[in-house]
Amino acid sequence: MRRGVVGEGGPGSYVASGHSVHEEENDRLQEGLRYKVSAMKSLAIDIGTEVKYQNKMLSEMDSDFDSTGGLLGATIGRVKQLSRGSQTKLLCYMLLFCFFVFFILYWFIKLR
C-alpha cells in the first residue's frame, strides 16, 4: 500500500487540495488588488487634471486682481486730486450721493 501519493485520496491529497485553495484565494485577492490599484490610478489622474485646471484659474484670477488693483489705484489718485483742489464741495456732493444710493439699495433689500 502506498501512502502520501498525491491524487490517490491519501493524506497527501489534503495537502495538495489545501495548496490549490490558497492559490485560488491568492488569485482572487490579487485580482481585487489589481482593481483597487486601477481605481487609485484613475483617481490620481483625475486629481492631477483638476489641480492643473485650478492652477490655471488661479493664475487668471491673479492677473485680473492685478489689473483691478491698478484701476483702483488710479481712481483713488483722482479722488485725492479732487479733494486737494477747490472742489471739496463737489466731493461732498459725491459722498452724499453715494450714501443716498446705498441707503436706497439697503431699503429695497430690506423690503424683499
PDB file of N, CA and C in Angstrom:
ATOM      1  N   MET A   1       0.824  -1.163   0.000  1.00  0.00           N
ATOM      2  CA  MET A   1       0.000   0.000   0.000  1.00  0.00           C
ATOM      3  C   MET A   1       0.877   1.237   0.000  1.00  0.00           C
ATOM      4  N   ARG A   2       0.569   2.182  -0.878  1.00  0.00           N
ATOM      5  CA  ARG A   2       1.375   3.406  -0.953  1.00  0.00           C
ATOM      6  C   ARG A   2       0.671   4.506  -0.178  1.00  0.00           C
ATOM      7  N   ARG A   3       1.433   5.256   0.567  1.00  0.00           N
ATOM      8  CA  ARG A   3       0.877   6.354   1.357  1.00  0.00           C
ATOM      9  C   ARG A   3       1.473   7.667   0.905  1.00  0.00           C
ATOM     10  N   GLY A   4       0.640   8.717   0.974  1.00  0.00           N
ATOM     11  CA  GLY A   4       1.133  10.062   0.734  1.00  0.00           C
ATOM     12  C   GLY A   4       1.275  10.418  -0.725  1.00  0.00           C
ATOM     13  N   VAL A   5       0.752   9.660  -1.620  1.00  0.00           N
ATOM     14  CA  VAL A   5       0.849   9.971  -3.033  1.00  0.00           C
ATOM     15  C   VAL A   5      -0.307  10.904  -3.390  1.00  0.00           C
ATOM     16  N   VAL A   6       0.011  11.937  -4.085  1.00  0.00           N
ATOM     17  CA  VAL A   6      -0.992  12.926  -4.451  1.00  0.00           C
ATOM     18  C   VAL A   6      -1.941  12.324  -5.471  1.00  0.00           C
ATOM     19  N   GLY A   7      -3.249  12.553  -5.257  1.00  0.00           N
ATOM     20  CA  GLY A   7      -4.242  12.108  -6.214  1.00  0.00           C
ATOM     21  C   GLY A   7      -4.843  10.750  -5.894  1.00  0.00           C
ATOM     22  N   GLU A   8      -4.353  10.044  -4.873  1.00  0.00           N
ATOM     23  CA  GLU A   8      -4.904   8.739  -4.532  1.00  0.00           C
ATOM     24  C   GLU A   8      -5.852   8.811  -3.359  1.00  0.00           C
ATOM     25  N   GLY A   9      -6.112   9.967  -2.822  1.00  0.00           N
ATOM     26  CA  GLY A   9      -7.035  10.072  -1.706  1.00  0.00           C
ATOM     27  C   GLY A   9      -6.378   9.845  -0.373  1.00  0.00           C
ATOM     28  N   GLY A  10      -5.076   9.740  -0.325  1.00  0.00           N
ATOM     29  CA  GLY A  10      -4.363   9.542   0.924  1.00  0.00           C
ATOM     30  C   GLY A  10      -4.138  10.865   1.628  1.00  0.00           C
ATOM     31  N   PRO A  11      -3.303  10.870   2.667  1.00  0.00           N
ATOM     32  CA  PRO A  11      -3.043  12.102   3.412  1.00  0.00           C
ATOM     33  C   PRO A  11      -2.396  13.189   2.562  1.00  0.00           C
ATOM     34  N   GLY A  12      -1.676  12.838   1.543  1.00  0.00           N
ATOM     35  CA  GLY A  12      -1.040  13.827   0.680  1.00  0.00           C
ATOM     36  C   GLY A  12      -2.048  14.601  -0.149  1.00  0.00           C
ATOM     37  N   SER A  13      -3.210  14.039  -0.392  1.00  0.00           N
ATOM     38  CA  SER A  13      -4.215  14.712  -1.205  1.00  0.00           C
ATOM     39  C   SER A  13      -4.787  15.923  -0.476  1.00  0.00           C
ATOM     40  N   TYR A  14      -4.830  15.857   0.826  1.00  0.00           N
ATOM     41  CA  TYR A  14      -5.306  17.016   1.592  1.00  0.00           C
ATOM     42  C   TYR A  14      -4.355  18.189   1.444  1.00  0.00           C
ATOM     43  N   VAL A  15      -3.074  17.898   1.438  1.00  0.00           N
ATOM     44  CA  VAL A  15      -2.075  18.951   1.285  1.00  0.00           C
ATOM     45  C   VAL A  15      -2.188  19.586  -0.087  1.00  0.00           C
ATOM     46  N   ALA A  16      -2.360  18.772  -1.122  1.00  0.00           N
ATOM     47  CA  ALA A  16      -2.453  19.297  -2.479  1.00  0.00           C
ATOM     48  C   ALA A  16      -3.707  20.142  -2.650  1.00  0.00           C
ATOM     49  N   SER A  17      -4.844  19.706  -2.139  1.00  0.00           N
ATOM     50  CA  SER A  17      -6.073  20.476  -2.279  1.00  0.00           C
ATOM     51  C   SER A  17      -6.008  21.753  -1.443  1.00  0.00           C
ATOM     52  N   GLY A  18      -5.383  21.716  -0.288  1.00  0.00           N
ATOM     53  CA  GLY A  18      -5.202  22.915   0.533  1.00  0.00           C
ATOM     54  C   GLY A  18      -4.334  23.934  -0.173  1.00  0.00           C
ATOM     55  N   HIS A  19      -3.339  23.450  -0.868  1.00  0.00           N
ATOM     56  CA  HIS A  19      -2.439  24.331  -1.619  1.00  0.00           C
ATOM     57  C   HIS A  19      -3.207  25.021  -2.745  1.00  0.00           C
ATOM     58  N   SER A  20      -4.042  24.293  -3.457  1.00  0.00           N
ATOM     59  CA  SER A  20      -4.791  24.901  -4.558  1.00  0.00           C
ATOM     60  C   SER A  20      -5.825  25.894  -4.033  1.00  0.00           C
ATOM     61  N   VAL A  21      -6.394  25.648  -2.878  1.00  0.00           N
ATOM     62  CA  VAL A  21      -7.338  26.589  -2.279  1.00  0.00           C
ATOM     63  C   VAL A  21      -6.623  27.901  -1.965  1.00  0.00           C
ATOM     64  N   HIS A  22      -5.424  27.799  -1.439  1.00  0.00           N
ATOM     65  CA  HIS A  22      -4.644  29.008  -1.138  1.00  0.00           C
ATOM     66  C   HIS A  22      -4.274  29.750  -2.407  1.00  0.00           C
ATOM     67  N   GLU A  23      -3.940  29.003  -3.456  1.00  0.00           N
ATOM     68  CA  GLU A  23      -3.616  29.650  -4.726  1.00  0.00           C
ATOM     69  C   GLU A  23      -4.825  30.368  -5.303  1.00  0.00           C
ATOM     70  N   GLU A  24      -5.985  29.738  -5.235  1.00  0.00           N
ATOM     71  CA  GLU A  24      -7.212  30.372  -5.731  1.00  0.00           C
ATOM     72  C   GLU A  24      -7.536  31.631  -4.930  1.00  0.00           C
ATOM     73  N   GLU A  25      -7.362  31.543  -3.617  1.00  0.00           N
ATOM     74  CA  GLU A  25      -7.626  32.718  -2.764  1.00  0.00           C
ATOM     75  C   GLU A  25      -6.629  33.834  -3.083  1.00  0.00           C
ATOM     76  N   ASN A  26      -5.365  33.470  -3.280  1.00  0.00           N
ATOM     77  CA  ASN A  26      -4.352  34.462  -3.644  1.00  0.00           C
ATOM     78  C   ASN A  26      -4.687  35.114  -4.984  1.00  0.00           C
ATOM     79  N   ASP A  27      -5.129  34.291  -5.955  1.00  0.00           N
ATOM     80  CA  ASP A  27      -5.513  34.842  -7.261  1.00  0.00           C
ATOM     81  C   ASP A  27      -6.694  35.807  -7.123  1.00  0.00           C
ATOM     82  N   ARG A  28      -7.660  35.433  -6.314  1.00  0.00           N
ATOM     83  CA  ARG A  28      -8.822  36.288  -6.099  1.00  0.00           C
ATOM     84  C   ARG A  28      -8.412  37.593  -5.422  1.00  0.00           C
ATOM     85  N   LEU A  29      -7.575  37.507  -4.401  1.00  0.00           N
ATOM     86  CA  LEU A  29      -7.099  38.708  -3.714  1.00  0.00           C
ATOM     87  C   LEU A  29      -6.238  39.568  -4.633  1.00  0.00           C
ATOM     88  N   GLN A  30      -5.446  38.905  -5.479  1.00  0.00           N
ATOM     89  CA  GLN A  30      -4.604  39.635  -6.426  1.00  0.00           C
ATOM     90  C   GLN A  30      -5.466  40.405  -7.425  1.00  0.00           C
ATOM     91  N   GLU A  31      -6.533  39.786  -7.885  1.00  0.00           N
ATOM     92  CA  GLU A  31      -7.438  40.454  -8.822  1.00  0.00           C
ATOM     93  C   GLU A  31      -8.130  41.647  -8.145  1.00  0.00           C
ATOM     94  N   GLY A  32      -8.530  41.479  -6.892  1.00  0.00           N
ATOM     95  CA  GLY A  32      -9.125  42.587  -6.141  1.00  0.00           C
ATOM     96  C   GLY A  32      -8.139  43.728  -5.959  1.00  0.00           C
ATOM     97  N   LEU A  33      -6.900  43.388  -5.677  1.00  0.00           N
ATOM     98  CA  LEU A  33      -5.860  44.404  -5.520  1.00  0.00           C
ATOM     99  C   LEU A  33      -5.585  45.110  -6.846  1.00  0.00           C
ATOM    100  N   ARG A  34      -5.586  44.362  -7.939  1.00  0.00           N
ATOM    101  CA  ARG A  34      -5.379  44.949  -9.254  1.00  0.00           C
ATOM    102  C   ARG A  34      -6.496  45.962  -9.566  1.00  0.00           C
ATOM    103  N   TYR A  35      -7.720  45.633  -9.227  1.00  0.00           N
ATOM    104  CA  TYR A  35      -8.853  46.534  -9.437  1.00  0.00           C
ATOM    105  C   TYR A  35      -8.690  47.809  -8.605  1.00  0.00           C
ATOM    106  N   LYS A  36      -8.290  47.654  -7.353  1.00  0.00           N
ATOM    107  CA  LYS A  36      -8.120  48.820  -6.474  1.00  0.00           C
ATOM    108  C   LYS A  36      -6.992  49.723  -6.957  1.00  0.00           C
ATOM    109  N   VAL A  37      -5.905  49.130  -7.421  1.00  0.00           N
ATOM    110  CA  VAL A  37      -4.782  49.921  -7.944  1.00  0.00           C
ATOM    111  C   VAL A  37      -5.216  50.683  -9.195  1.00  0.00           C
ATOM    112  N   SER A  38      -5.996  50.039 -10.043  1.00  0.00           N
ATOM    113  CA  SER A  38      -6.501  50.697 -11.243  1.00  0.00           C
ATOM    114  C   SER A  38      -7.406  51.872 -10.874  1.00  0.00           C
ATOM    115  N   ALA A  39      -8.264  51.684  -9.874  1.00  0.00           N
ATOM    116  CA  ALA A  39      -9.143  52.765  -9.430  1.00  0.00           C
ATOM    117  C   ALA A  39      -8.332  53.917  -8.840  1.00  0.00           C
ATOM    118  N   MET A  40      -7.310  53.602  -8.074  1.00  0.00           N
ATOM    119  CA  MET A  40      -6.450  54.638  -7.489  1.00  0.00           C
ATOM    120  C   MET A  40      -5.708  55.405  -8.576  1.00  0.00           C
ATOM    121  N   LYS A  41      -5.262  54.700  -9.621  1.00  0.00           N
ATOM    122  CA  LYS A  41      -4.545  55.346 -10.712  1.00  0.00           C
ATOM    123  C   LYS A  41      -5.453  56.342 -11.433  1.00  0.00           C
ATOM    124  N   SER A  42      -6.679  55.923 -11.745  1.00  0.00           N
ATOM    125  CA  SER A  42      -7.595  56.844 -12.434  1.00  0.00           C
ATOM    126  C   SER A  42      -7.959  58.020 -11.539  1.00  0.00           C
ATOM    127  N   LEU A  43      -8.097  57.782 -10.246  1.00  0.00           N
ATOM    128  CA  LEU A  43      -8.384  58.866  -9.311  1.00  0.00           C
ATOM    129  C   LEU A  43      -7.215  59.845  -9.243  1.00  0.00           C
ATOM    130  N   ALA A  44      -5.996  59.341  -9.229  1.00  0.00           N
ATOM    131  CA  ALA A  44      -4.817  60.216  -9.192  1.00  0.00           C
ATOM    132  C   ALA A  44      -4.716  61.045 -10.468  1.00  0.00           C
ATOM    133  N   ILE A  45      -5.051  60.450 -11.603  1.00  0.00           N
ATOM    134  CA  ILE A  45      -5.032  61.198 -12.870  1.00  0.00           C
ATOM    135  C   ILE A  45      -6.086  62.293 -12.847  1.00  0.00           C
ATOM    136  N   ASP A  46      -7.280  61.974 -12.337  1.00  0.00           N
ATOM    137  CA  ASP A  46      -8.340  62.980 -12.236  1.00  0.00           C
ATOM    138  C   ASP A  46      -7.940  64.113 -11.304  1.00  0.00           C
ATOM    139  N   ILE A  47      -7.292  63.789 -10.202  1.00  0.00           N
ATOM    140  CA  ILE A  47      -6.839  64.824  -9.259  1.00  0.00           C
ATOM    141  C   ILE A  47      -5.791  65.709  -9.932  1.00  0.00           C
ATOM    142  N   GLY A  48      -4.864  65.108 -10.669  1.00  0.00           N
ATOM    143  CA  GLY A  48      -3.844  65.885 -11.376  1.00  0.00           C
ATOM    144  C   GLY A  48      -4.458  66.836 -12.386  1.00  0.00           C
ATOM    145  N   THR A  49      -5.466  66.360 -13.124  1.00  0.00           N
ATOM    146  CA  THR A  49      -6.150  67.217 -14.098  1.00  0.00           C
ATOM    147  C   THR A  49      -6.841  68.377 -13.396  1.00  0.00           C
ATOM    148  N   GLU A  50      -7.507  68.104 -12.283  1.00  0.00           N
ATOM    149  CA  GLU A  50      -8.204  69.160 -11.532  1.00  0.00           C
ATOM    150  C   GLU A  50      -7.217  70.178 -10.968  1.00  0.00           C
ATOM    151  N   VAL A  51      -6.073  69.716 -10.495  1.00  0.00           N
ATOM    152  CA  VAL A  51      -5.060  70.634  -9.956  1.00  0.00           C
ATOM    153  C   VAL A  51      -4.540  71.560 -11.054  1.00  0.00           C
ATOM    154  N   LYS A  52      -4.294  71.005 -12.243  1.00  0.00           N
ATOM    155  CA  LYS A  52      -3.835  71.842 -13.359  1.00  0.00           C
ATOM    156  C   LYS A  52      -4.881  72.896 -13.709  1.00  0.00           C
ATOM    157  N   TYR A  53      -6.154  72.500 -13.738  1.00  0.00           N
ATOM    158  CA  TYR A  53      -7.232  73.438 -14.049  1.00  0.00           C
ATOM    159  C   TYR A  53      -7.330  74.540 -12.985  1.00  0.00           C
ATOM    160  N   GLN A  54      -7.238  74.148 -11.708  1.00  0.00           N
ATOM    161  CA  GLN A  54      -7.326  75.128 -10.624  1.00  0.00           C
ATOM    162  C   GLN A  54      -6.136  76.086 -10.652  1.00  0.00           C
ATOM    163  N   ASN A  55      -4.947  75.584 -10.965  1.00  0.00           N
ATOM    164  CA  ASN A  55      -3.780  76.464 -11.067  1.00  0.00           C
ATOM    165  C   ASN A  55      -3.944  77.472 -12.191  1.00  0.00           C
ATOM    166  N   LYS A  56      -4.526  77.024 -13.308  1.00  0.00           N
ATOM    167  CA  LYS A  56      -4.778  77.936 -14.427  1.00  0.00           C
ATOM    168  C   LYS A  56      -5.765  79.022 -14.008  1.00  0.00           C
ATOM    169  N   MET A  57      -6.813  78.637 -13.311  1.00  0.00           N
ATOM    170  CA  MET A  57      -7.806  79.623 -12.849  1.00  0.00           C
ATOM    171  C   MET A  57      -7.184  80.608 -11.863  1.00  0.00           C
ATOM    172  N   LEU A  58      -6.348  80.117 -10.959  1.00  0.00           N
ATOM    173  CA  LEU A  58      -5.686  80.999 -10.000  1.00  0.00           C
ATOM    174  C   LEU A  58      -4.772  81.991 -10.702  1.00  0.00           C
ATOM    175  N   SER A  59      -4.084  81.538 -11.725  1.00  0.00           N
ATOM    176  CA  SER A  59      -3.211  82.419 -12.491  1.00  0.00           C
ATOM    177  C   SER A  59      -4.020  83.521 -13.168  1.00  0.00           C
ATOM    178  N   GLU A  60      -5.168  83.148 -13.760  1.00  0.00           N
ATOM    179  CA  GLU A  60      -6.020  84.139 -14.401  1.00  0.00           C
ATOM    180  C   GLU A  60      -6.586  85.122 -13.378  1.00  0.00           C
ATOM    181  N   MET A  61      -6.981  84.619 -12.221  1.00  0.00           N
ATOM    182  CA  MET A  61      -7.509  85.499 -11.170  1.00  0.00           C
ATOM    183  C   MET A  61      -6.439  86.461 -10.686  1.00  0.00           C
ATOM    184  N   ASP A  62      -5.209  85.982 -10.586  1.00  0.00           N
ATOM    185  CA  ASP A  62      -4.113  86.839 -10.140  1.00  0.00           C
ATOM    186  C   ASP A  62      -3.913  88.001 -11.108  1.00  0.00           C
ATOM    187  N   SER A  63      -3.932  87.714 -12.401  1.00  0.00           N
ATOM    188  CA  SER A  63      -3.760  88.793 -13.378  1.00  0.00           C
ATOM    189  C   SER A  63      -4.960  89.740 -13.359  1.00  0.00           C
ATOM    190  N   ASP A  64      -6.168  89.201 -13.157  1.00  0.00           N
ATOM    191  CA  ASP A  64      -7.357  90.062 -13.055  1.00  0.00           C
ATOM    192  C   ASP A  64      -7.268  90.970 -11.839  1.00  0.00           C
ATOM    193  N   PHE A  65      -6.822  90.430 -10.712  1.00  0.00           N
ATOM    194  CA  PHE A  65      -6.686  91.247  -9.499  1.00  0.00           C
ATOM    195  C   PHE A  65      -5.620  92.326  -9.681  1.00  0.00           C
ATOM    196  N   ASP A  66      -4.545  91.983 -10.376  1.00  0.00           N
ATOM    197  CA  ASP A  66      -3.508  92.987 -10.628  1.00  0.00           C
ATOM    198  C   ASP A  66      -4.048  94.139 -11.462  1.00  0.00           C
ATOM    199  N   SER A  67      -4.798  93.816 -12.507  1.00  0.00           N
ATOM    200  CA  SER A  67      -5.349  94.887 -13.353  1.00  0.00           C
ATOM    201  C   SER A  67      -6.391  95.698 -12.589  1.00  0.00           C
ATOM    202  N   THR A  68      -7.200  95.042 -11.762  1.00  0.00           N
ATOM    203  CA  THR A  68      -8.191  95.754 -10.957  1.00  0.00           C
ATOM    204  C   THR A  68      -7.514  96.637  -9.927  1.00  0.00           C
ATOM    205  N   GLY A  69      -6.426  96.154  -9.354  1.00  0.00           N
ATOM    206  CA  GLY A  69      -5.677  96.964  -8.384  1.00  0.00           C
ATOM    207  C   GLY A  69      -5.125  98.224  -9.029  1.00  0.00           C
ATOM    208  N   GLY A  70      -4.626  98.094 -10.255  1.00  0.00           N
ATOM    209  CA  GLY A  70      -4.124  99.271 -10.972  1.00  0.00           C
ATOM    210  C   GLY A  70      -5.234 100.270 -11.248  1.00  0.00           C
ATOM    211  N   LEU A  71      -6.392  99.776 -11.661  1.00  0.00           N
ATOM    212  CA  LEU A  71      -7.535 100.642 -11.929  1.00  0.00           C
ATOM    213  C   LEU A  71      -8.011 101.332 -10.656  1.00  0.00           C
ATOM    214  N   LEU A  72      -8.065 100.593  -9.576  1.00  0.00           N
ATOM    215  CA  LEU A  72      -8.494 101.161  -8.294  1.00  0.00           C
ATOM    216  C   LEU A  72      -7.496 102.205  -7.800  1.00  0.00           C
ATOM    217  N   GLY A  73      -6.211 101.926  -7.980  1.00  0.00           N
ATOM    218  CA  GLY A  73      -5.192 102.902  -7.581  1.00  0.00           C
ATOM    219  C   GLY A  73      -5.331 104.201  -8.353  1.00  0.00           C
ATOM    220  N   ALA A  74      -5.611 104.094  -9.651  1.00  0.00           N
ATOM    221  CA  ALA A  74      -5.801 105.299 -10.474  1.00  0.00           C
ATOM    222  C   ALA A  74      -7.032 106.070 -10.022  1.00  0.00           C
ATOM    223  N   THR A  75      -8.091 105.365  -9.696  1.00  0.00           N
ATOM    224  CA  THR A  75      -9.321 106.022  -9.246  1.00  0.00           C
ATOM    225  C   THR A  75      -9.103 106.726  -7.911  1.00  0.00           C
ATOM    226  N   ILE A  76      -8.409 106.092  -7.010  1.00  0.00           N
ATOM    227  CA  ILE A  76      -8.127 106.722  -5.711  1.00  0.00           C
ATOM    228  C   ILE A  76      -7.253 107.947  -5.907  1.00  0.00           C
ATOM    229  N   GLY A  77      -6.309 107.867  -6.822  1.00  0.00           N
ATOM    230  CA  GLY A  77      -5.479 109.039  -7.122  1.00  0.00           C
ATOM    231  C   GLY A  77      -6.316 110.208  -7.615  1.00  0.00           C
ATOM    232  N   ARG A  78      -7.295 109.934  -8.455  1.00  0.00           N
ATOM    233  CA  ARG A  78      -8.174 111.002  -8.941  1.00  0.00           C
ATOM    234  C   ARG A  78      -9.011 111.595  -7.821  1.00  0.00           C
ATOM    235  N   VAL A  79      -9.516 110.743  -6.939  1.00  0.00           N
ATOM    236  CA  VAL A  79     -10.318 111.242  -5.813  1.00  0.00           C
ATOM    237  C   VAL A  79      -9.452 112.105  -4.897  1.00  0.00           C
ATOM    238  N   LYS A  80      -8.218 111.704  -4.658  1.00  0.00           N
ATOM    239  CA  LYS A  80      -7.316 112.522  -3.841  1.00  0.00           C
ATOM    240  C   LYS A  80      -7.043 113.858  -4.512  1.00  0.00           C
ATOM    241  N   GLN A  81      -6.891 113.819  -5.812  1.00  0.00           N
ATOM    242  CA  GLN A  81      -6.652 115.066  -6.541  1.00  0.00           C
ATOM    243  C   GLN A  81      -7.870 115.985  -6.427  1.00  0.00           C
ATOM    244  N   LEU A  82      -9.051 115.417  -6.472  1.00  0.00           N
ATOM    245  CA  LEU A  82     -10.264 116.215  -6.295  1.00  0.00           C
ATOM    246  C   LEU A  82     -10.324 116.830  -4.899  1.00  0.00           C
ATOM    247  N   SER A  83      -9.933 116.085  -3.900  1.00  0.00           N
ATOM    248  CA  SER A  83     -10.014 116.591  -2.525  1.00  0.00           C
ATOM    249  C   SER A  83      -8.975 117.671  -2.254  1.00  0.00           C
ATOM    250  N   ARG A  84      -7.868 117.669  -2.969  1.00  0.00           N
ATOM    251  CA  ARG A  84      -6.834 118.684  -2.757  1.00  0.00           C
ATOM    252  C   ARG A  84      -7.218 120.021  -3.380  1.00  0.00           C
ATOM    253  N   GLY A  85      -7.963 119.966  -4.433  1.00  0.00           N
ATOM    254  CA  GLY A  85      -8.327 121.195  -5.135  1.00  0.00           C
ATOM    255  C   GLY A  85      -9.447 121.932  -4.422  1.00  0.00           C
ATOM    256  N   SER A  86      -9.945 122.913  -5.087  1.00  0.00           N
ATOM    257  CA  SER A  86     -11.005 123.723  -4.502  1.00  0.00           C
ATOM    258  C   SER A  86     -12.368 123.076  -4.729  1.00  0.00           C
ATOM    259  N   GLN A  87     -12.354 121.839  -5.171  1.00  0.00           N
ATOM    260  CA  GLN A  87     -13.604 121.170  -5.481  1.00  0.00           C
ATOM    261  C   GLN A  87     -14.055 120.260  -4.336  1.00  0.00           C
ATOM    262  N   THR A  88     -13.783 120.660  -3.106  1.00  0.00           N
ATOM    263  CA  THR A  88     -14.208 119.854  -1.963  1.00  0.00           C
ATOM    264  C   THR A  88     -15.719 119.793  -1.868  1.00  0.00           C
ATOM    265  N   LYS A  89     -16.381 120.841  -2.329  1.00  0.00           N
ATOM    266  CA  LYS A  89     -17.830 120.850  -2.325  1.00  0.00           C
ATOM    267  C   LYS A  89     -18.353 119.737  -3.244  1.00  0.00           C
ATOM    268  N   LEU A  90     -17.730 119.576  -4.396  1.00  0.00           N
ATOM    269  CA  LEU A  90     -18.120 118.514  -5.326  1.00  0.00           C
ATOM    270  C   LEU A  90     -17.890 117.138  -4.702  1.00  0.00           C
ATOM    271  N   LEU A  91     -16.797 116.994  -3.978  1.00  0.00           N
ATOM    272  CA  LEU A  91     -16.514 115.725  -3.306  1.00  0.00           C
ATOM    273  C   LEU A  91     -17.569 115.426  -2.257  1.00  0.00           C
ATOM    274  N   CYS A  92     -17.995 116.417  -1.516  1.00  0.00           N
ATOM    275  CA  CYS A  92     -19.046 116.211  -0.507  1.00  0.00           C
ATOM    276  C   CYS A  92     -20.348 115.782  -1.180  1.00  0.00           C
ATOM    277  N   TYR A  93     -20.685 116.404  -2.309  1.00  0.00           N
ATOM    278  CA  TYR A  93     -21.881 116.006  -3.037  1.00  0.00           C
ATOM    279  C   TYR A  93     -21.777 114.561  -3.528  1.00  0.00           C
ATOM    280  N   MET A  94     -20.608 114.187  -3.985  1.00  0.00           N
ATOM    281  CA  MET A  94     -20.410 112.802  -4.441  1.00  0.00           C
ATOM    282  C   MET A  94     -20.592 111.818  -3.297  1.00  0.00           C
ATOM    283  N   LEU A  95     -20.051 112.131  -2.122  1.00  0.00           N
ATOM    284  CA  LEU A  95     -20.197 111.249  -0.970  1.00  0.00           C
ATOM    285  C   LEU A  95     -21.646 111.162  -0.530  1.00  0.00           C
ATOM    286  N   LEU A  96     -22.341 112.303  -0.519  1.00  0.00           N
ATOM    287  CA  LEU A  96     -23.756 112.284  -0.149  1.00  0.00           C
ATOM    288  C   LEU A  96     -24.568 111.455  -1.145  1.00  0.00           C
ATOM    289  N   PHE A  97     -24.256 111.587  -2.410  1.00  0.00           N
ATOM    290  CA  PHE A  97     -24.942 110.803  -3.430  1.00  0.00           C
ATOM    291  C   PHE A  97     -24.691 109.307  -3.223  1.00  0.00           C
ATOM    292  N   CYS A  98     -23.460 108.929  -2.910  1.00  0.00           N
ATOM    293  CA  CYS A  98     -23.127 107.516  -2.659  1.00  0.00           C
ATOM    294  C   CYS A  98     -23.904 106.987  -1.458  1.00  0.00           C
ATOM    295  N   PHE A  99     -23.956 107.765  -0.384  1.00  0.00           N
ATOM    296  CA  PHE A  99     -24.716 107.341   0.793  1.00  0.00           C
ATOM    297  C   PHE A  99     -26.199 107.201   0.449  1.00  0.00           C
ATOM    298  N   PHE A 100     -26.725 108.105  -0.353  1.00  0.00           N
ATOM    299  CA  PHE A 100     -28.117 108.046  -0.761  1.00  0.00           C
ATOM    300  C   PHE A 100     -28.388 106.778  -1.574  1.00  0.00           C
ATOM    301  N   VAL A 101     -27.518 106.461  -2.505  1.00  0.00           N
ATOM    302  CA  VAL A 101     -27.687 105.247  -3.325  1.00  0.00           C
ATOM    303  C   VAL A 101     -27.611 104.007  -2.456  1.00  0.00           C
ATOM    304  N   PHE A 102     -26.658 103.958  -1.544  1.00  0.00           N
ATOM    305  CA  PHE A 102     -26.551 102.797  -0.649  1.00  0.00           C
ATOM    306  C   PHE A 102     -27.772 102.671   0.245  1.00  0.00           C
ATOM    307  N   PHE A 103     -28.299 103.789   0.713  1.00  0.00           N
ATOM    308  CA  PHE A 103     -29.495 103.765   1.557  1.00  0.00           C
ATOM    309  C   PHE A 103     -30.689 103.225   0.769  1.00  0.00           C
ATOM    310  N   ILE A 104     -30.855 103.683  -0.467  1.00  0.00           N
ATOM    311  CA  ILE A 104     -31.962 103.193  -1.302  1.00  0.00           C
ATOM    312  C   ILE A 104     -31.809 101.698  -1.561  1.00  0.00           C
ATOM    313  N   LEU A 105     -30.604 101.248  -1.887  1.00  0.00           N
ATOM    314  CA  LEU A 105     -30.372  99.807  -2.108  1.00  0.00           C
ATOM    315  C   LEU A 105     -30.656  99.001  -0.848  1.00  0.00           C
ATOM    316  N   TYR A 106     -30.223  99.508   0.283  1.00  0.00           N
ATOM    317  CA  TYR A 106     -30.465  98.829   1.563  1.00  0.00           C
ATOM    318  C   TYR A 106     -31.964  98.728   1.820  1.00  0.00           C
ATOM    319  N   TRP A 107     -32.667  99.807   1.526  1.00  0.00           N
ATOM    320  CA  TRP A 107     -34.102  99.836   1.750  1.00  0.00           C
ATOM    321  C   TRP A 107     -34.814  98.823   0.853  1.00  0.00           C
ATOM    322  N   PHE A 108     -34.417  98.728  -0.429  1.00  0.00           N
ATOM    323  CA  PHE A 108     -35.008  97.759  -1.333  1.00  0.00           C
ATOM    324  C   PHE A 108     -34.721  96.323  -0.898  1.00  0.00           C
ATOM    325  N   ILE A 109     -33.524  96.072  -0.440  1.00  0.00           N
ATOM    326  CA  ILE A 109     -33.166  94.744   0.016  1.00  0.00           C
ATOM    327  C   ILE A 109     -33.945  94.380   1.281  1.00  0.00           C
ATOM    328  N   LYS A 110     -34.114  95.342   2.141  1.00  0.00           N
ATOM    329  CA  LYS A 110     -34.832  95.115   3.400  1.00  0.00           C
ATOM    330  C   LYS A 110     -36.308  94.781   3.139  1.00  0.00           C
ATOM    331  N   LEU A 111     -36.906  95.380   2.102  1.00  0.00           N
ATOM    332  CA  LEU A 111     -38.322  95.147   1.796  1.00  0.00           C
ATOM    333  C   LEU A 111     -38.577  93.774   1.175  1.00  0.00           C
ATOM    334  N   ARG A 112     -37.599  93.145   0.620  1.00  0.00           N
ATOM    335  CA  ARG A 112     -37.777  91.822   0.000  1.00  0.00           C
ATOM    336  C   ARG A 112     -38.223  90.839   0.966  1.00  0.00           C
TER     337      ARG A 112
END
